[in-house]
Amino acid sequence: MLDLIARHDHFIKSFRVFLHEQEGKLFRFKAQIVFIDDSILHIKEYIFENQERKYAYHWTNFSEDLICRWDNTNHWTDILTFPHHKHLGDKVIESTEIFLEDVLNRIVKQLNS
């Protein structure tokens, strides 16, 4: 995780871990990244006993208005990448960005443009 943050450190103002627990196969992680434009990425990742992975990456501007949210909650069955999807405004669309590295690369690309 820290190497991932270090690779993008010139775009990151701060990084804070709220929860990092591992117990056997169980894993729980919550963190927040503040970027140079003061936008914020809220990170949640869980891995359960059966190795099922749940995630949500919620990116907001400084005012906490949604820019994009990536998650794999299984309620959008008509999306081609089900259960992986992203929320852009009122739209829910397919998403291949399913890991934090993918999301950070997308955000950094947008910040760099």
PDB file of N, CA and C in Angstrom:
ATOM      1  N   MET A   1       0.836  -1.199   0.000  1.00  0.00           N
ATOM      2  CA  MET A   1       0.000   0.000   0.000  1.00  0.00           C
ATOM      3  C   MET A   1       0.874   1.253   0.000  1.00  0.00           C
ATOM      4  N   LEU A   2       1.877   1.284   0.873  1.00  0.00           N
ATOM      5  CA  LEU A   2       2.710   2.476   0.960  1.00  0.00           C
ATOM      6  C   LEU A   2       3.489   2.729  -0.330  1.00  0.00           C
ATOM      7  N   ASP A   3       3.896   1.654  -1.020  1.00  0.00           N
ATOM      8  CA  ASP A   3       4.593   1.848  -2.287  1.00  0.00           C
ATOM      9  C   ASP A   3       3.660   2.444  -3.340  1.00  0.00           C
ATOM     10  N   LEU A   4       2.400   2.079  -3.290  1.00  0.00           N
ATOM     11  CA  LEU A   4       1.402   2.639  -4.200  1.00  0.00           C
ATOM     12  C   LEU A   4       1.220   4.134  -3.934  1.00  0.00           C
ATOM     13  N   ILE A   5       1.138   4.486  -2.674  1.00  0.00           N
ATOM     14  CA  ILE A   5       1.020   5.904  -2.295  1.00  0.00           C
ATOM     15  C   ILE A   5       2.277   6.659  -2.710  1.00  0.00           C
ATOM     16  N   ALA A   6       3.436   6.064  -2.476  1.00  0.00           N
ATOM     17  CA  ALA A   6       4.706   6.714  -2.808  1.00  0.00           C
ATOM     18  C   ALA A   6       4.826   6.993  -4.306  1.00  0.00           C
ATOM     19  N   ARG A   7       4.306   6.091  -5.137  1.00  0.00           N
ATOM     20  CA  ARG A   7       4.366   6.294  -6.591  1.00  0.00           C
ATOM     21  C   ARG A   7       3.577   7.517  -7.043  1.00  0.00           C
ATOM     22  N   HIS A   8       2.580   7.906  -6.255  1.00  0.00           N
ATOM     23  CA  HIS A   8       1.729   9.043  -6.627  1.00  0.00           C
ATOM     24  C   HIS A   8       1.869  10.200  -5.636  1.00  0.00           C
ATOM     25  N   ASP A   9       2.941  10.225  -4.873  1.00  0.00           N
ATOM     26  CA  ASP A   9       3.057  11.195  -3.780  1.00  0.00           C
ATOM     27  C   ASP A   9       3.052  12.647  -4.232  1.00  0.00           C
ATOM     28  N   HIS A  10       3.447  12.942  -5.453  1.00  0.00           N
ATOM     29  CA  HIS A  10       3.423  14.332  -5.929  1.00  0.00           C
ATOM     30  C   HIS A  10       1.998  14.824  -6.208  1.00  0.00           C
ATOM     31  N   PHE A  11       1.001  13.933  -6.164  1.00  0.00           N
ATOM     32  CA  PHE A  11      -0.403  14.311  -6.302  1.00  0.00           C
ATOM     33  C   PHE A  11      -1.169  14.224  -4.980  1.00  0.00           C
ATOM     34  N   ILE A  12      -0.483  13.767  -3.934  1.00  0.00           N
ATOM     35  CA  ILE A  12      -1.150  13.502  -2.656  1.00  0.00           C
ATOM     36  C   ILE A  12      -0.685  14.476  -1.582  1.00  0.00           C
ATOM     37  N   LYS A  13      -1.654  15.138  -0.936  1.00  0.00           N
ATOM     38  CA  LYS A  13      -1.356  16.025   0.185  1.00  0.00           C
ATOM     39  C   LYS A  13      -1.238  15.253   1.493  1.00  0.00           C
ATOM     40  N   SER A  14      -2.172  14.302   1.679  1.00  0.00           N
ATOM     41  CA  SER A  14      -2.145  13.525   2.919  1.00  0.00           C
ATOM     42  C   SER A  14      -2.789  12.162   2.708  1.00  0.00           C
ATOM     43  N   PHE A  15      -2.410  11.240   3.581  1.00  0.00           N
ATOM     44  CA  PHE A  15      -2.916   9.878   3.552  1.00  0.00           C
ATOM     45  C   PHE A  15      -3.131   9.459   4.999  1.00  0.00           C
ATOM     46  N   ARG A  16      -4.326   8.963   5.287  1.00  0.00           N
ATOM     47  CA  ARG A  16      -4.647   8.596   6.663  1.00  0.00           C
ATOM     48  C   ARG A  16      -5.353   7.242   6.690  1.00  0.00           C
ATOM     49  N   VAL A  17      -4.881   6.366   7.555  1.00  0.00           N
ATOM     50  CA  VAL A  17      -5.493   5.054   7.732  1.00  0.00           C
ATOM     51  C   VAL A  17      -6.372   5.102   8.967  1.00  0.00           C
ATOM     52  N   PHE A  18      -7.640   4.725   8.817  1.00  0.00           N
ATOM     53  CA  PHE A  18      -8.582   4.694   9.935  1.00  0.00           C
ATOM     54  C   PHE A  18      -8.719   3.294  10.515  1.00  0.00           C
ATOM     55  N   LEU A  19      -8.567   2.291   9.667  1.00  0.00           N
ATOM     56  CA  LEU A  19      -8.742   0.906  10.103  1.00  0.00           C
ATOM     57  C   LEU A  19      -7.854   0.015   9.257  1.00  0.00           C
ATOM     58  N   HIS A  20      -7.081  -0.815   9.905  1.00  0.00           N
ATOM     59  CA  HIS A  20      -6.270  -1.818   9.222  1.00  0.00           C
ATOM     60  C   HIS A  20      -6.212  -3.030  10.135  1.00  0.00           C
ATOM     61  N   GLU A  21      -7.034  -4.033   9.812  1.00  0.00           N
ATOM     62  CA  GLU A  21      -7.118  -5.229  10.641  1.00  0.00           C
ATOM     63  C   GLU A  21      -6.994  -6.463   9.769  1.00  0.00           C
ATOM     64  N   GLN A  22      -6.214  -7.394  10.243  1.00  0.00           N
ATOM     65  CA  GLN A  22      -6.135  -8.684   9.574  1.00  0.00           C
ATOM     66  C   GLN A  22      -6.178  -9.755  10.646  1.00  0.00           C
ATOM     67  N   GLU A  23      -7.078 -10.691  10.449  1.00  0.00           N
ATOM     68  CA  GLU A  23      -7.276 -11.779  11.392  1.00  0.00           C
ATOM     69  C   GLU A  23      -7.500 -13.045  10.574  1.00  0.00           C
ATOM     70  N   GLY A  24      -6.469 -13.853  10.455  1.00  0.00           N
ATOM     71  CA  GLY A  24      -6.572 -15.014   9.580  1.00  0.00           C
ATOM     72  C   GLY A  24      -6.787 -14.558   8.156  1.00  0.00           C
ATOM     73  N   LYS A  25      -7.844 -15.055   7.530  1.00  0.00           N
ATOM     74  CA  LYS A  25      -8.156 -14.662   6.149  1.00  0.00           C
ATOM     75  C   LYS A  25      -8.966 -13.376   6.071  1.00  0.00           C
ATOM     76  N   LEU A  26      -9.470 -12.907   7.209  1.00  0.00           N
ATOM     77  CA  LEU A  26     -10.263 -11.681   7.229  1.00  0.00           C
ATOM     78  C   LEU A  26      -9.356 -10.458   7.121  1.00  0.00           C
ATOM     79  N   PHE A  27      -9.810  -9.480   6.344  1.00  0.00           N
ATOM     80  CA  PHE A  27      -9.045  -8.241   6.182  1.00  0.00           C
ATOM     81  C   PHE A  27     -10.026  -7.089   6.108  1.00  0.00           C
ATOM     82  N   ARG A  28      -9.744  -6.028   6.879  1.00  0.00           N
ATOM     83  CA  ARG A  28     -10.577  -4.823   6.868  1.00  0.00           C
ATOM     84  C   ARG A  28      -9.652  -3.615   6.778  1.00  0.00           C
ATOM     85  N   PHE A  29      -9.998  -2.715   5.864  1.00  0.00           N
ATOM     86  CA  PHE A  29      -9.148  -1.544   5.638  1.00  0.00           C
ATOM     87  C   PHE A  29     -10.015  -0.345   5.283  1.00  0.00           C
ATOM     88  N   LYS A  30      -9.766   0.763   5.968  1.00  0.00           N
ATOM     89  CA  LYS A  30     -10.416   2.042   5.648  1.00  0.00           C
ATOM     90  C   LYS A  30      -9.352   3.126   5.711  1.00  0.00           C
ATOM     91  N   ALA A  31      -9.350   3.980   4.706  1.00  0.00           N
ATOM     92  CA  ALA A  31      -8.360   5.046   4.645  1.00  0.00           C
ATOM     93  C   ALA A  31      -8.924   6.225   3.857  1.00  0.00           C
ATOM     94  N   GLN A  32      -8.145   7.290   3.845  1.00  0.00           N
ATOM     95  CA  GLN A  32      -8.542   8.496   3.111  1.00  0.00           C
ATOM     96  C   GLN A  32      -7.296   9.134   2.518  1.00  0.00           C
ATOM     97  N   ILE A  33      -7.409   9.556   1.274  1.00  0.00           N
ATOM     98  CA  ILE A  33      -6.334  10.284   0.599  1.00  0.00           C
ATOM     99  C   ILE A  33      -6.871  11.653   0.222  1.00  0.00           C
ATOM    100  N   VAL A  34      -6.112  12.687   0.548  1.00  0.00           N
ATOM    101  CA  VAL A  34      -6.440  14.042   0.107  1.00  0.00           C
ATOM    102  C   VAL A  34      -5.425  14.397  -0.977  1.00  0.00           C
ATOM    103  N   PHE A  35      -5.940  14.822  -2.131  1.00  0.00           N
ATOM    104  CA  PHE A  35      -5.097  15.133  -3.276  1.00  0.00           C
ATOM    105  C   PHE A  35      -4.759  16.621  -3.314  1.00  0.00           C
ATOM    106  N   ILE A  36      -3.858  16.983  -4.220  1.00  0.00           N
ATOM    107  CA  ILE A  36      -3.370  18.366  -4.298  1.00  0.00           C
ATOM    108  C   ILE A  36      -4.466  19.362  -4.662  1.00  0.00           C
ATOM    109  N   ASP A  37      -5.563  18.904  -5.262  1.00  0.00           N
ATOM    110  CA  ASP A  37      -6.677  19.799  -5.578  1.00  0.00           C
ATOM    111  C   ASP A  37      -7.721  19.802  -4.459  1.00  0.00           C
ATOM    112  N   ASP A  38      -7.372  19.193  -3.314  1.00  0.00           N
ATOM    113  CA  ASP A  38      -8.233  19.070  -2.131  1.00  0.00           C
ATOM    114  C   ASP A  38      -9.398  18.107  -2.327  1.00  0.00           C
ATOM    115  N   SER A  39      -9.410  17.351  -3.423  1.00  0.00           N
ATOM    116  CA  SER A  39     -10.399  16.287  -3.545  1.00  0.00           C
ATOM    117  C   SER A  39      -9.984  15.151  -2.608  1.00  0.00           C
ATOM    118  N   ILE A  40     -10.940  14.297  -2.266  1.00  0.00           N
ATOM    119  CA  ILE A  40     -10.725  13.278  -1.242  1.00  0.00           C
ATOM    120  C   ILE A  40     -11.180  11.923  -1.772  1.00  0.00           C
ATOM    121  N   LEU A  41     -10.344  10.909  -1.564  1.00  0.00           N
ATOM    122  CA  LEU A  41     -10.721   9.545  -1.892  1.00  0.00           C
ATOM    123  C   LEU A  41     -10.912   8.781  -0.590  1.00  0.00           C
ATOM    124  N   HIS A  42     -12.135   8.316  -0.373  1.00  0.00           N
ATOM    125  CA  HIS A  42     -12.462   7.489   0.789  1.00  0.00           C
ATOM    126  C   HIS A  42     -12.346   6.033   0.343  1.00  0.00           C
ATOM    127  N   ILE A  43     -11.562   5.263   1.056  1.00  0.00           N
ATOM    128  CA  ILE A  43     -11.240   3.890   0.657  1.00  0.00           C
ATOM    129  C   ILE A  43     -11.798   2.912   1.676  1.00  0.00           C
ATOM    130  N   LYS A  44     -12.506   1.878   1.181  1.00  0.00           N
ATOM    131  CA  LYS A  44     -12.960   0.768   2.025  1.00  0.00           C
ATOM    132  C   LYS A  44     -12.700  -0.525   1.282  1.00  0.00           C
ATOM    133  N   GLU A  45     -12.013  -1.448   1.938  1.00  0.00           N
ATOM    134  CA  GLU A  45     -11.768  -2.767   1.361  1.00  0.00           C
ATOM    135  C   GLU A  45     -11.975  -3.813   2.440  1.00  0.00           C
ATOM    136  N   TYR A  46     -12.659  -4.888   2.084  1.00  0.00           N
ATOM    137  CA  TYR A  46     -12.886  -6.000   3.001  1.00  0.00           C
ATOM    138  C   TYR A  46     -12.642  -7.305   2.249  1.00  0.00           C
ATOM    139  N   ILE A  47     -12.006  -8.241   2.911  1.00  0.00           N
ATOM    140  CA  ILE A  47     -11.893  -9.601   2.402  1.00  0.00           C
ATOM    141  C   ILE A  47     -12.425 -10.507   3.499  1.00  0.00           C
ATOM    142  N   PHE A  48     -13.358 -11.378   3.117  1.00  0.00           N
ATOM    143  CA  PHE A  48     -14.034 -12.240   4.075  1.00  0.00           C
ATOM    144  C   PHE A  48     -13.408 -13.634   4.099  1.00  0.00           C
ATOM    145  N   GLU A  49     -13.858 -14.462   5.037  1.00  0.00           N
ATOM    146  CA  GLU A  49     -13.340 -15.830   5.204  1.00  0.00           C
ATOM    147  C   GLU A  49     -13.346 -16.615   3.898  1.00  0.00           C
ATOM    148  N   ASN A  50     -14.392 -16.453   3.099  1.00  0.00           N
ATOM    149  CA  ASN A  50     -14.516 -17.185   1.833  1.00  0.00           C
ATOM    150  C   ASN A  50     -13.726 -16.531   0.690  1.00  0.00           C
ATOM    151  N   GLN A  51     -12.899 -15.529   1.037  1.00  0.00           N
ATOM    152  CA  GLN A  51     -12.062 -14.769   0.099  1.00  0.00           C
ATOM    153  C   GLN A  51     -12.860 -13.828  -0.799  1.00  0.00           C
ATOM    154  N   GLU A  52     -14.154 -13.659  -0.509  1.00  0.00           N
ATOM    155  CA  GLU A  52     -14.941 -12.662  -1.226  1.00  0.00           C
ATOM    156  C   GLU A  52     -14.395 -11.288  -0.866  1.00  0.00           C
ATOM    157  N   ARG A  53     -14.285 -10.431  -1.860  1.00  0.00           N
ATOM    158  CA  ARG A  53     -13.745  -9.084  -1.663  1.00  0.00           C
ATOM    159  C   ARG A  53     -14.845  -8.059  -1.919  1.00  0.00           C
ATOM    160  N   LYS A  54     -14.991  -7.133  -1.012  1.00  0.00           N
ATOM    161  CA  LYS A  54     -15.909  -6.002  -1.176  1.00  0.00           C
ATOM    162  C   LYS A  54     -15.080  -4.727  -1.108  1.00  0.00           C
ATOM    163  N   TYR A  55     -15.410  -3.784  -1.976  1.00  0.00           N
ATOM    164  CA  TYR A  55     -14.662  -2.529  -1.976  1.00  0.00           C
ATOM    165  C   TYR A  55     -15.579  -1.373  -2.342  1.00  0.00           C
ATOM    166  N   ALA A  56     -15.147  -0.199  -1.928  1.00  0.00           N
ATOM    167  CA  ALA A  56     -15.783   1.048  -2.342  1.00  0.00           C
ATOM    168  C   ALA A  56     -14.715   2.134  -2.295  1.00  0.00           C
ATOM    169  N   TYR A  57     -14.561   2.828  -3.399  1.00  0.00           N
ATOM    170  CA  TYR A  57     -13.650   3.962  -3.507  1.00  0.00           C
ATOM    171  C   TYR A  57     -14.515   5.162  -3.872  1.00  0.00           C
ATOM    172  N   HIS A  58     -14.657   6.066  -2.946  1.00  0.00           N
ATOM    173  CA  HIS A  58     -15.594   7.182  -3.066  1.00  0.00           C
ATOM    174  C   HIS A  58     -14.783   8.471  -3.189  1.00  0.00           C
ATOM    175  N   TRP A  59     -14.770   9.074  -4.382  1.00  0.00           N
ATOM    176  CA  TRP A  59     -13.967  10.261  -4.664  1.00  0.00           C
ATOM    177  C   TRP A  59     -14.871  11.477  -4.699  1.00  0.00           C
ATOM    178  N   THR A  60     -14.565  12.453  -3.854  1.00  0.00           N
ATOM    179  CA  THR A  60     -15.375  13.671  -3.770  1.00  0.00           C
ATOM    180  C   THR A  60     -14.497  14.905  -3.945  1.00  0.00           C
ATOM    181  N   ASN A  61     -15.141  16.015  -4.279  1.00  0.00           N
ATOM    182  CA  ASN A  61     -14.402  17.271  -4.279  1.00  0.00           C
ATOM    183  C   ASN A  61     -14.320  17.796  -2.842  1.00  0.00           C
ATOM    184  N   PHE A  62     -13.721  18.946  -2.678  1.00  0.00           N
ATOM    185  CA  PHE A  62     -13.527  19.520  -1.345  1.00  0.00           C
ATOM    186  C   PHE A  62     -14.837  19.710  -0.597  1.00  0.00           C
ATOM    187  N   SER A  63     -15.913  19.980  -1.331  1.00  0.00           N
ATOM    188  CA  SER A  63     -17.230  20.188  -0.720  1.00  0.00           C
ATOM    189  C   SER A  63     -17.971  18.878  -0.471  1.00  0.00           C
ATOM    190  N   GLU A  64     -17.306  17.749  -0.697  1.00  0.00           N
ATOM    191  CA  GLU A  64     -17.880  16.406  -0.519  1.00  0.00           C
ATOM    192  C   GLU A  64     -18.930  16.053  -1.570  1.00  0.00           C
ATOM    193  N   ASP A  65     -18.930  16.756  -2.711  1.00  0.00           N
ATOM    194  CA  ASP A  65     -19.789  16.382  -3.833  1.00  0.00           C
ATOM    195  C   ASP A  65     -19.114  15.235  -4.583  1.00  0.00           C
ATOM    196  N   LEU A  66     -19.892  14.244  -4.958  1.00  0.00           N
ATOM    197  CA  LEU A  66     -19.349  13.071  -5.623  1.00  0.00           C
ATOM    198  C   LEU A  66     -18.738  13.414  -6.975  1.00  0.00           C
ATOM    199  N   ILE A  67     -17.515  12.945  -7.178  1.00  0.00           N
ATOM    200  CA  ILE A  67     -16.885  12.978  -8.498  1.00  0.00           C
ATOM    201  C   ILE A  67     -17.091  11.614  -9.143  1.00  0.00           C
ATOM    202  N   CYS A  68     -16.733  10.553  -8.410  1.00  0.00           N
ATOM    203  CA  CYS A  68     -16.912   9.186  -8.893  1.00  0.00           C
ATOM    204  C   CYS A  68     -16.868   8.231  -7.709  1.00  0.00           C
ATOM    205  N   ARG A  69     -17.636   7.163  -7.818  1.00  0.00           N
ATOM    206  CA  ARG A  69     -17.600   6.103  -6.809  1.00  0.00           C
ATOM    207  C   ARG A  69     -17.507   4.772  -7.537  1.00  0.00           C
ATOM    208  N   TRP A  70     -16.487   4.002  -7.171  1.00  0.00           N
ATOM    209  CA  TRP A  70     -16.287   2.661  -7.708  1.00  0.00           C
ATOM    210  C   TRP A  70     -16.649   1.675  -6.610  1.00  0.00           C
ATOM    211  N   ASP A  71     -17.447   0.654  -6.924  1.00  0.00           N
ATOM    212  CA  ASP A  71     -17.730  -0.363  -5.915  1.00  0.00           C
ATOM    213  C   ASP A  71     -18.207  -1.644  -6.579  1.00  0.00           C
ATOM    214  N   ASN A  72     -18.373  -2.681  -5.761  1.00  0.00           N
ATOM    215  CA  ASN A  72     -18.836  -3.965  -6.295  1.00  0.00           C
ATOM    216  C   ASN A  72     -20.032  -4.506  -5.517  1.00  0.00           C
ATOM    217  N   THR A  73     -20.865  -3.611  -5.016  1.00  0.00           N
ATOM    218  CA  THR A  73     -22.132  -4.029  -4.429  1.00  0.00           C
ATOM    219  C   THR A  73     -22.966  -4.637  -5.549  1.00  0.00           C
ATOM    220  N   ASN A  74     -23.582  -5.778  -5.291  1.00  0.00           N
ATOM    221  CA  ASN A  74     -24.192  -6.532  -6.392  1.00  0.00           C
ATOM    222  C   ASN A  74     -25.653  -6.185  -6.670  1.00  0.00           C
ATOM    223  N   HIS A  75     -25.948  -4.917  -6.826  1.00  0.00           N
ATOM    224  CA  HIS A  75     -27.328  -4.533  -7.124  1.00  0.00           C
ATOM    225  C   HIS A  75     -27.526  -3.958  -8.530  1.00  0.00           C
ATOM    226  N   TRP A  76     -26.509  -3.937  -9.371  1.00  0.00           N
ATOM    227  CA  TRP A  76     -26.652  -3.422 -10.740  1.00  0.00           C
ATOM    228  C   TRP A  76     -26.396  -4.566 -11.723  1.00  0.00           C
ATOM    229  N   THR A  77     -27.286  -5.528 -11.751  1.00  0.00           N
ATOM    230  CA  THR A  77     -27.085  -6.765 -12.510  1.00  0.00           C
ATOM    231  C   THR A  77     -27.057  -6.563 -14.027  1.00  0.00           C
ATOM    232  N   ASP A  78     -27.555  -5.438 -14.516  1.00  0.00           N
ATOM    233  CA  ASP A  78     -27.571  -5.194 -15.962  1.00  0.00           C
ATOM    234  C   ASP A  78     -26.265  -4.593 -16.485  1.00  0.00           C
ATOM    235  N   ILE A  79     -25.320  -4.284 -15.599  1.00  0.00           N
ATOM    236  CA  ILE A  79     -24.029  -3.724 -16.003  1.00  0.00           C
ATOM    237  C   ILE A  79     -23.137  -4.866 -16.508  1.00  0.00           C
ATOM    238  N   LEU A  80     -22.474  -4.678 -17.640  1.00  0.00           N
ATOM    239  CA  LEU A  80     -21.641  -5.735 -18.228  1.00  0.00           C
ATOM    240  C   LEU A  80     -20.536  -6.215 -17.291  1.00  0.00           C
ATOM    241  N   THR A  81     -20.010  -5.328 -16.460  1.00  0.00           N
ATOM    242  CA  THR A  81     -18.911  -5.704 -15.558  1.00  0.00           C
ATOM    243  C   THR A  81     -19.418  -6.095 -14.171  1.00  0.00           C
ATOM    244  N   PHE A  82     -20.708  -6.411 -14.080  1.00  0.00           N
ATOM    245  CA  PHE A  82     -21.329  -6.790 -12.810  1.00  0.00           C
ATOM    246  C   PHE A  82     -20.445  -7.792 -12.060  1.00  0.00           C
ATOM    247  N   PRO A  83     -20.220  -7.586 -10.770  1.00  0.00           N
ATOM    248  CA  PRO A  83     -20.815  -6.567  -9.903  1.00  0.00           C
ATOM    249  C   PRO A  83     -20.032  -5.256  -9.867  1.00  0.00           C
ATOM    250  N   HIS A  84     -18.934  -5.182 -10.628  1.00  0.00           N
ATOM    251  CA  HIS A  84     -18.089  -3.983 -10.629  1.00  0.00           C
ATOM    252  C   HIS A  84     -18.755  -2.875 -11.440  1.00  0.00           C
ATOM    253  N   HIS A  85     -18.808  -1.685 -10.858  1.00  0.00           N
ATOM    254  CA  HIS A  85     -19.432  -0.552 -11.540  1.00  0.00           C
ATOM    255  C   HIS A  85     -18.927   0.742 -10.926  1.00  0.00           C
ATOM    256  N   LYS A  86     -19.276   1.841 -11.576  1.00  0.00           N
ATOM    257  CA  LYS A  86     -18.947   3.151 -11.002  1.00  0.00           C
ATOM    258  C   LYS A  86     -20.124   4.097 -11.174  1.00  0.00           C
ATOM    259  N   HIS A  87     -20.193   5.025 -10.249  1.00  0.00           N
ATOM    260  CA  HIS A  87     -21.235   6.046 -10.226  1.00  0.00           C
ATOM    261  C   HIS A  87     -20.609   7.363 -10.677  1.00  0.00           C
ATOM    262  N   LEU A  88     -21.150   7.923 -11.735  1.00  0.00           N
ATOM    263  CA  LEU A  88     -20.745   9.240 -12.230  1.00  0.00           C
ATOM    264  C   LEU A  88     -21.996  10.101 -12.274  1.00  0.00           C
ATOM    265  N   GLY A  89     -22.111  10.998 -11.317  1.00  0.00           N
ATOM    266  CA  GLY A  89     -23.338  11.768 -11.224  1.00  0.00           C
ATOM    267  C   GLY A  89     -24.506  10.834 -10.972  1.00  0.00           C
ATOM    268  N   ASP A  90     -25.537  10.941 -11.792  1.00  0.00           N
ATOM    269  CA  ASP A  90     -26.716  10.077 -11.654  1.00  0.00           C
ATOM    270  C   ASP A  90     -26.583   8.780 -12.445  1.00  0.00           C
ATOM    271  N   LYS A  91     -25.482   8.611 -13.156  1.00  0.00           N
ATOM    272  CA  LYS A  91     -25.287   7.427 -13.991  1.00  0.00           C
ATOM    273  C   LYS A  91     -24.552   6.331 -13.231  1.00  0.00           C
ATOM    274  N   VAL A  92     -24.897   5.096 -13.533  1.00  0.00           N
ATOM    275  CA  VAL A  92     -24.144   3.928 -13.062  1.00  0.00           C
ATOM    276  C   VAL A  92     -23.680   3.217 -14.323  1.00  0.00           C
ATOM    277  N   ILE A  93     -22.348   3.063 -14.445  1.00  0.00           N
ATOM    278  CA  ILE A  93     -21.788   2.481 -15.664  1.00  0.00           C
ATOM    279  C   ILE A  93     -20.783   1.386 -15.319  1.00  0.00           C
ATOM    280  N   GLU A  94     -20.410   0.629 -16.343  1.00  0.00           N
ATOM    281  CA  GLU A  94     -19.457  -0.449 -16.130  1.00  0.00           C
ATOM    282  C   GLU A  94     -18.094   0.110 -15.722  1.00  0.00           C
ATOM    283  N   SER A  95     -17.324  -0.736 -15.039  1.00  0.00           N
ATOM    284  CA  SER A  95     -16.011  -0.315 -14.574  1.00  0.00           C
ATOM    285  C   SER A  95     -15.041  -1.483 -14.558  1.00  0.00           C
ATOM    286  N   THR A  96     -13.871  -1.246 -15.111  1.00  0.00           N
ATOM    287  CA  THR A  96     -12.789  -2.219 -15.029  1.00  0.00           C
ATOM    288  C   THR A  96     -11.768  -1.792 -13.968  1.00  0.00           C
ATOM    289  N   GLU A  97     -12.022  -0.670 -13.344  1.00  0.00           N
ATOM    290  CA  GLU A  97     -11.149  -0.182 -12.268  1.00  0.00           C
ATOM    291  C   GLU A  97     -11.651  -0.803 -10.970  1.00  0.00           C
ATOM    292  N   ILE A  98     -11.044  -1.920 -10.580  1.00  0.00           N
ATOM    293  CA  ILE A  98     -11.572  -2.683  -9.448  1.00  0.00           C
ATOM    294  C   ILE A  98     -10.593  -2.778  -8.284  1.00  0.00           C
ATOM    295  N   PHE A  99      -9.410  -2.213  -8.457  1.00  0.00           N
ATOM    296  CA  PHE A  99      -8.413  -2.202  -7.384  1.00  0.00           C
ATOM    297  C   PHE A  99      -7.990  -0.772  -7.126  1.00  0.00           C
ATOM    298  N   LEU A 100      -7.481  -0.518  -5.932  1.00  0.00           N
ATOM    299  CA  LEU A 100      -7.057   0.829  -5.567  1.00  0.00           C
ATOM    300  C   LEU A 100      -6.043   1.379  -6.567  1.00  0.00           C
ATOM    301  N   GLU A 101      -5.136   0.560  -7.021  1.00  0.00           N
ATOM    302  CA  GLU A 101      -4.140   1.023  -7.993  1.00  0.00           C
ATOM    303  C   GLU A 101      -4.811   1.549  -9.260  1.00  0.00           C
ATOM    304  N   ASP A 102      -5.823   0.846  -9.749  1.00  0.00           N
ATOM    305  CA  ASP A 102      -6.563   1.280 -10.939  1.00  0.00           C
ATOM    306  C   ASP A 102      -7.217   2.646 -10.709  1.00  0.00           C
ATOM    307  N   VAL A 103      -7.838   2.783  -9.550  1.00  0.00           N
ATOM    308  CA  VAL A 103      -8.548   4.025  -9.211  1.00  0.00           C
ATOM    309  C   VAL A 103      -7.556   5.178  -9.069  1.00  0.00           C
ATOM    310  N   LEU A 104      -6.446   4.943  -8.377  1.00  0.00           N
ATOM    311  CA  LEU A 104      -5.439   5.998  -8.227  1.00  0.00           C
ATOM    312  C   LEU A 104      -4.870   6.414  -9.580  1.00  0.00           C
ATOM    313  N   ASN A 105      -4.615   5.452 -10.441  1.00  0.00           N
ATOM    314  CA  ASN A 105      -4.114   5.799 -11.775  1.00  0.00           C
ATOM    315  C   ASN A 105      -5.113   6.664 -12.524  1.00  0.00           C
ATOM    316  N   ARG A 106      -6.401   6.355 -12.424  1.00  0.00           N
ATOM    317  CA  ARG A 106      -7.449   7.139 -13.087  1.00  0.00           C
ATOM    318  C   ARG A 106      -7.504   8.566 -12.512  1.00  0.00           C
ATOM    319  N   ILE A 107      -7.452   8.672 -11.194  1.00  0.00           N
ATOM    320  CA  ILE A 107      -7.520   9.987 -10.550  1.00  0.00           C
ATOM    321  C   ILE A 107      -6.304  10.820 -10.908  1.00  0.00           C
ATOM    322  N   VAL A 108      -5.122  10.239 -10.835  1.00  0.00           N
ATOM    323  CA  VAL A 108      -3.897  10.967 -11.161  1.00  0.00           C
ATOM    324  C   VAL A 108      -3.917  11.413 -12.614  1.00  0.00           C
ATOM    325  N   LYS A 109      -4.403  10.572 -13.504  1.00  0.00           N
ATOM    326  CA  LYS A 109      -4.525  10.950 -14.910  1.00  0.00           C
ATOM    327  C   LYS A 109      -5.429  12.164 -15.057  1.00  0.00           C
ATOM    328  N   GLN A 110      -6.530  12.182 -14.328  1.00  0.00           N
ATOM    329  CA  GLN A 110      -7.453  13.313 -14.403  1.00  0.00           C
ATOM    330  C   GLN A 110      -6.833  14.567 -13.775  1.00  0.00           C
ATOM    331  N   LEU A 111      -6.128  14.406 -12.659  1.00  0.00           N
ATOM    332  CA  LEU A 111      -5.485  15.556 -12.028  1.00  0.00           C
ATOM    333  C   LEU A 111      -4.369  16.122 -12.891  1.00  0.00           C
ATOM    334  N   ASN A 112      -3.763  15.281 -13.675  1.00  0.00           N
ATOM    335  CA  ASN A 112      -2.623  15.678 -14.523  1.00  0.00           C
ATOM    336  C   ASN A 112      -3.070  16.352 -15.810  1.00  0.00           C
ATOM    337  N   SER A 113      -4.360  16.274 -16.129  1.00  0.00           N
ATOM    338  CA  SER A 113      -4.822  16.862 -17.407  1.00  0.00           C
ATOM    339  C   SER A 113      -5.285  18.282 -17.246  1.00  0.00           C
TER     340      SER A 113
END
